[in-house]
Protein backbone atom coordinates (compact mmCIF):
# COMPACT_ATOMS: atom_id res chain seq x y z
CA UNK A 1 43.86 -67.88 9.97
CA UNK A 2 46.20 -65.39 7.94
CA UNK A 3 49.94 -66.55 7.03
CA UNK A 4 51.80 -64.40 4.31
CA UNK A 5 54.67 -66.45 4.24
CA UNK A 6 54.20 -69.40 2.45
CA UNK A 7 56.15 -71.19 -1.24
CA UNK A 8 55.28 -72.55 -4.06
CA UNK A 9 56.73 -74.63 -6.51
CA UNK A 10 57.47 -71.44 -8.53
CA UNK A 11 60.67 -71.24 -6.11
CA UNK A 12 61.40 -74.23 -3.88
CA UNK A 13 57.98 -75.38 -2.52
CA UNK A 14 56.21 -78.32 -3.09
CA UNK A 15 52.97 -77.19 -4.68
CA UNK A 16 51.59 -75.27 -7.83
CA UNK A 17 50.00 -72.15 -6.39
CA UNK A 18 46.27 -73.89 -6.59
CA UNK A 19 47.01 -76.15 -4.75
CA UNK A 20 48.95 -74.70 -2.00
CA UNK A 21 45.19 -72.28 -2.08
CA UNK A 22 43.30 -75.40 -1.67
CA UNK A 23 45.45 -77.28 0.70
CA UNK A 24 45.33 -73.98 3.15
CA UNK A 25 41.51 -73.09 2.97
CA UNK A 26 40.88 -76.62 3.87
CA UNK A 27 43.36 -76.23 6.99
CA UNK A 28 41.16 -73.44 7.72
CA UNK A 29 42.53 -69.87 5.83
CA UNK A 30 41.39 -66.91 5.39
CA UNK A 31 44.10 -64.91 3.82
CA UNK A 32 47.10 -66.82 2.45
CA UNK A 33 50.19 -64.51 1.08
CA UNK A 34 52.57 -66.45 -1.34
CA UNK A 35 56.21 -65.31 -1.34
CA UNK A 36 58.33 -67.28 -3.28
CA UNK A 37 61.81 -67.04 -2.81
CA UNK A 38 64.12 -64.05 -5.59
CA UNK A 39 67.08 -63.04 -6.41
CA UNK A 40 68.01 -60.65 -9.22
CA UNK A 41 68.45 -63.85 -11.51
CA UNK A 42 64.85 -65.05 -11.08
CA UNK A 43 62.62 -61.88 -10.11
CA UNK A 44 61.67 -60.85 -13.58
CA UNK A 45 60.12 -64.80 -13.86
CA UNK A 46 58.67 -65.54 -10.49
CA UNK A 47 56.69 -62.26 -9.34
CA UNK A 48 54.62 -61.73 -12.60
CA UNK A 49 54.05 -65.55 -12.81
CA UNK A 50 52.93 -65.46 -9.32
CA UNK A 51 50.71 -62.26 -9.64
CA UNK A 52 48.94 -63.92 -12.63
CA UNK A 53 47.93 -66.81 -10.82
CA UNK A 54 46.43 -65.28 -8.06
CA UNK A 55 44.95 -62.79 -10.63
CA UNK A 56 43.55 -66.09 -12.30
CA UNK A 57 41.21 -66.92 -9.26
CA UNK A 58 42.65 -68.72 -6.34
CA UNK A 59 40.05 -67.90 -4.27
CA UNK A 60 38.73 -70.91 -2.59
CA UNK A 61 35.67 -70.57 -0.69
CA UNK A 62 36.46 -67.15 0.42
CA UNK A 63 40.23 -67.44 0.45
CA UNK A 64 42.14 -63.89 0.18
CA UNK A 65 45.55 -65.11 -1.63
CA UNK A 66 47.91 -62.46 -2.21
CA UNK A 67 51.34 -62.58 -4.51
CA UNK A 68 54.21 -61.31 -2.92
CA UNK A 69 58.05 -62.25 -2.61
CA UNK A 70 60.68 -63.08 -0.14
CA UNK A 71 63.87 -61.69 -1.10
CA UNK A 72 66.66 -64.52 -0.29
CA UNK A 73 70.49 -64.51 0.34
CA UNK A 74 70.86 -61.13 -1.62
CA UNK A 75 73.80 -59.04 -0.28
CA UNK A 76 72.97 -56.48 1.64
CA UNK A 77 73.41 -53.71 -0.79
CA UNK A 78 71.71 -55.35 -3.47
CA UNK A 79 68.25 -55.37 -1.42
CA UNK A 80 66.80 -51.59 -1.83
CA UNK A 81 66.37 -51.92 -5.40
CA UNK A 82 65.15 -55.48 -5.42
CA UNK A 83 62.44 -54.53 -2.91
CA UNK A 84 61.66 -51.33 -5.78
CA UNK A 85 62.03 -54.27 -8.42
CA UNK A 86 59.64 -56.81 -6.74
CA UNK A 87 56.95 -54.24 -6.17
CA UNK A 88 56.95 -52.76 -9.64
CA UNK A 89 56.38 -56.61 -11.08
CA UNK A 90 53.34 -57.10 -8.82
CA UNK A 91 53.93 -58.19 -5.17
CA UNK A 92 52.06 -56.72 -3.10
CA UNK A 93 54.15 -57.80 0.21
CA UNK A 94 58.20 -58.14 -0.10
CA UNK A 95 59.61 -60.34 2.83
CA UNK A 96 63.12 -60.15 3.16
CA UNK A 97 64.94 -62.98 4.55
CA UNK A 98 66.51 -62.24 7.86
CA UNK A 99 69.64 -63.78 9.44
CA UNK A 100 68.52 -66.82 10.92
CA UNK A 101 70.61 -69.06 12.81
CA UNK A 102 70.15 -72.01 10.51
CA UNK A 103 71.56 -70.46 7.40
CA UNK A 104 74.57 -68.46 6.50
CA UNK A 105 72.84 -65.07 5.67
CA UNK A 106 75.40 -62.11 5.01
CA UNK A 107 75.46 -59.75 8.04
CA UNK A 108 73.72 -56.67 7.79
CA UNK A 109 70.73 -58.34 6.01
CA UNK A 110 68.36 -57.43 8.61
CA UNK A 111 69.52 -54.03 8.78
CA UNK A 112 69.61 -53.44 4.45
CA UNK A 113 66.15 -55.35 4.60
CA UNK A 114 64.86 -52.78 7.48
CA UNK A 115 66.18 -49.82 5.80
CA UNK A 116 64.46 -50.89 2.49
CA UNK A 117 61.00 -50.91 3.95
CA UNK A 118 60.42 -54.37 3.34
CA UNK A 119 56.89 -55.17 5.08
CA UNK A 120 58.21 -58.30 7.07
CA UNK A 121 61.59 -59.29 8.02
CA UNK A 122 61.66 -63.15 8.37
CA UNK A 123 63.53 -65.06 11.16
CA UNK A 124 65.49 -62.35 12.04
CA UNK A 125 68.10 -64.50 14.21
CA UNK A 126 69.60 -62.39 16.94
CA UNK A 127 68.97 -59.52 15.59
CA UNK A 128 69.89 -56.19 17.93
CA UNK A 129 67.94 -53.60 20.05
CA UNK A 130 68.83 -50.90 17.22
CA UNK A 131 67.70 -52.96 14.54
CA UNK A 132 64.70 -53.62 16.47
CA UNK A 133 63.90 -49.82 17.36
CA UNK A 134 64.57 -48.96 13.43
CA UNK A 135 62.07 -51.75 12.45
CA UNK A 136 59.53 -49.89 14.97
CA UNK A 137 60.24 -46.60 13.56
CA UNK A 138 59.87 -47.84 9.84
CA UNK A 139 56.74 -50.20 10.54
CA UNK A 140 58.66 -53.34 9.42
CA UNK A 141 56.90 -56.37 11.41
CA UNK A 142 59.05 -58.96 12.90
CA UNK A 143 58.61 -62.20 12.37
CA UNK A 144 57.91 -65.45 15.33
CA UNK A 145 58.42 -67.88 12.62
CA UNK A 146 56.97 -71.83 12.78
CA UNK A 147 59.51 -73.15 10.77
CA UNK A 148 62.09 -75.61 12.41
CA UNK A 149 65.66 -74.11 12.86
CA UNK A 150 64.71 -70.39 11.80
CA UNK A 151 62.19 -70.85 15.19
CA UNK A 152 65.62 -70.53 17.44
CA UNK A 153 65.17 -67.21 17.92
CA UNK A 154 61.44 -66.61 18.45
CA UNK A 155 61.97 -66.15 22.16
CA UNK A 156 64.98 -63.27 21.36
CA UNK A 157 62.89 -62.07 19.01
CA UNK A 158 59.76 -61.48 20.98
CA UNK A 159 61.67 -60.06 24.15
CA UNK A 160 63.14 -57.36 21.44
CA UNK A 161 60.11 -56.51 20.11
CA UNK A 162 57.92 -56.16 23.04
CA UNK A 163 60.95 -53.88 24.74
CA UNK A 164 61.37 -51.61 21.86
CA UNK A 165 57.40 -51.58 20.82
CA UNK A 166 58.00 -53.13 17.53
CA UNK A 167 55.14 -55.36 15.79
CA UNK A 168 55.47 -58.90 15.36
CA UNK A 169 53.73 -60.90 12.67
CA UNK A 170 53.74 -64.99 12.64
CA UNK A 171 54.92 -66.94 9.43
CA UNK A 172 54.84 -70.33 8.68
CA UNK A 173 57.75 -70.25 6.20
CA UNK A 174 55.52 -73.31 4.61
CA UNK A 175 57.40 -75.17 2.19
CA UNK A 176 55.32 -78.36 2.23
CA UNK A 177 51.71 -78.73 2.76
CA UNK A 178 52.40 -80.53 6.47
CA UNK A 179 54.04 -76.98 7.38
CA UNK A 180 50.83 -75.21 7.34
CA UNK A 181 49.21 -74.32 10.71
CA UNK A 182 46.26 -73.78 11.92
CA UNK A 183 45.23 -70.43 14.01
CA UNK A 184 45.49 -72.79 17.36
CA UNK A 185 48.63 -74.24 16.53
CA UNK A 186 49.82 -70.86 15.31
CA UNK A 187 48.95 -69.55 18.93
CA UNK A 188 50.66 -72.00 20.74
CA UNK A 189 53.95 -71.29 18.45
CA UNK A 190 53.74 -67.58 19.69
CA UNK A 191 52.87 -69.14 23.29
CA UNK A 192 56.25 -71.32 23.21
CA UNK A 193 57.66 -67.52 22.23
CA UNK A 194 57.03 -65.92 25.56
CA UNK A 195 54.49 -63.94 24.55
CA UNK A 196 51.43 -63.86 26.74
CA UNK A 197 47.97 -64.71 25.24
CA UNK A 198 47.59 -60.79 25.09
CA UNK A 199 50.14 -60.11 22.74
CA UNK A 200 49.48 -63.87 21.02
CA UNK A 201 46.30 -61.98 20.07
CA UNK A 202 47.97 -58.83 19.25
CA UNK A 203 50.16 -60.54 16.88
CA UNK A 204 46.66 -62.07 15.30
CA UNK A 205 45.68 -58.01 14.92
CA UNK A 206 48.65 -57.73 13.48
CA UNK A 207 48.46 -59.55 10.59
CA UNK A 208 44.55 -58.60 10.17
CA UNK A 209 46.25 -55.23 9.83
CA UNK A 210 48.61 -56.46 7.57
CA UNK A 211 46.60 -58.29 5.02
CA UNK A 212 44.07 -55.39 4.98
CA UNK A 213 46.98 -53.02 3.70
CA UNK A 214 48.36 -55.30 1.48
CA UNK A 215 44.34 -55.81 -0.10
CA UNK A 216 44.82 -52.25 -1.33
CA UNK A 217 48.36 -51.82 -2.42
CA UNK A 218 48.12 -51.38 -6.25
CA UNK A 219 44.68 -50.25 -6.47
């Protein structure tokens, strides 16, 4: 299982990075990305601390742990520079918290995250065809989410990504130990979003591609 959208107590998760890594390994994970929430108030603290924790050795029994960040509820005009700043501080990947129906995300966030070339636009809600086409052009992954509330538009995201050729990712957005998902559970969620078995397999291939790319960032 590969999942690069999770949270530790460096933001609003329940577990230390080391605890999260251990739980993920027991759940059958091979790659874990920790993407704690950031804005301009905490990026200088959260990202270096997370990078330090990952560098210290969280690779339980072969688990690969990658430090990242999720830009959350930042005004759209502030997203591009924050993407750059997170990467400068050691984030191997950057997620932008998209326009989910479950929260009052500022309009324009989806487009700003795509234009800033974040790695993943998380739970993008009712994103437009134009936004999805731009994501496809720029190589930004659109997320199918396992999280209650954020998953309400999974079907829409799956359909529009298929129409424009955008790549899909899968993320648990785990904040609690029980949020982690096995590969079999992830597959069921992808099928529930309206993907075919072949398309669900492609999402797993996308995650493999993405994790391999992120493992070389900064080397």
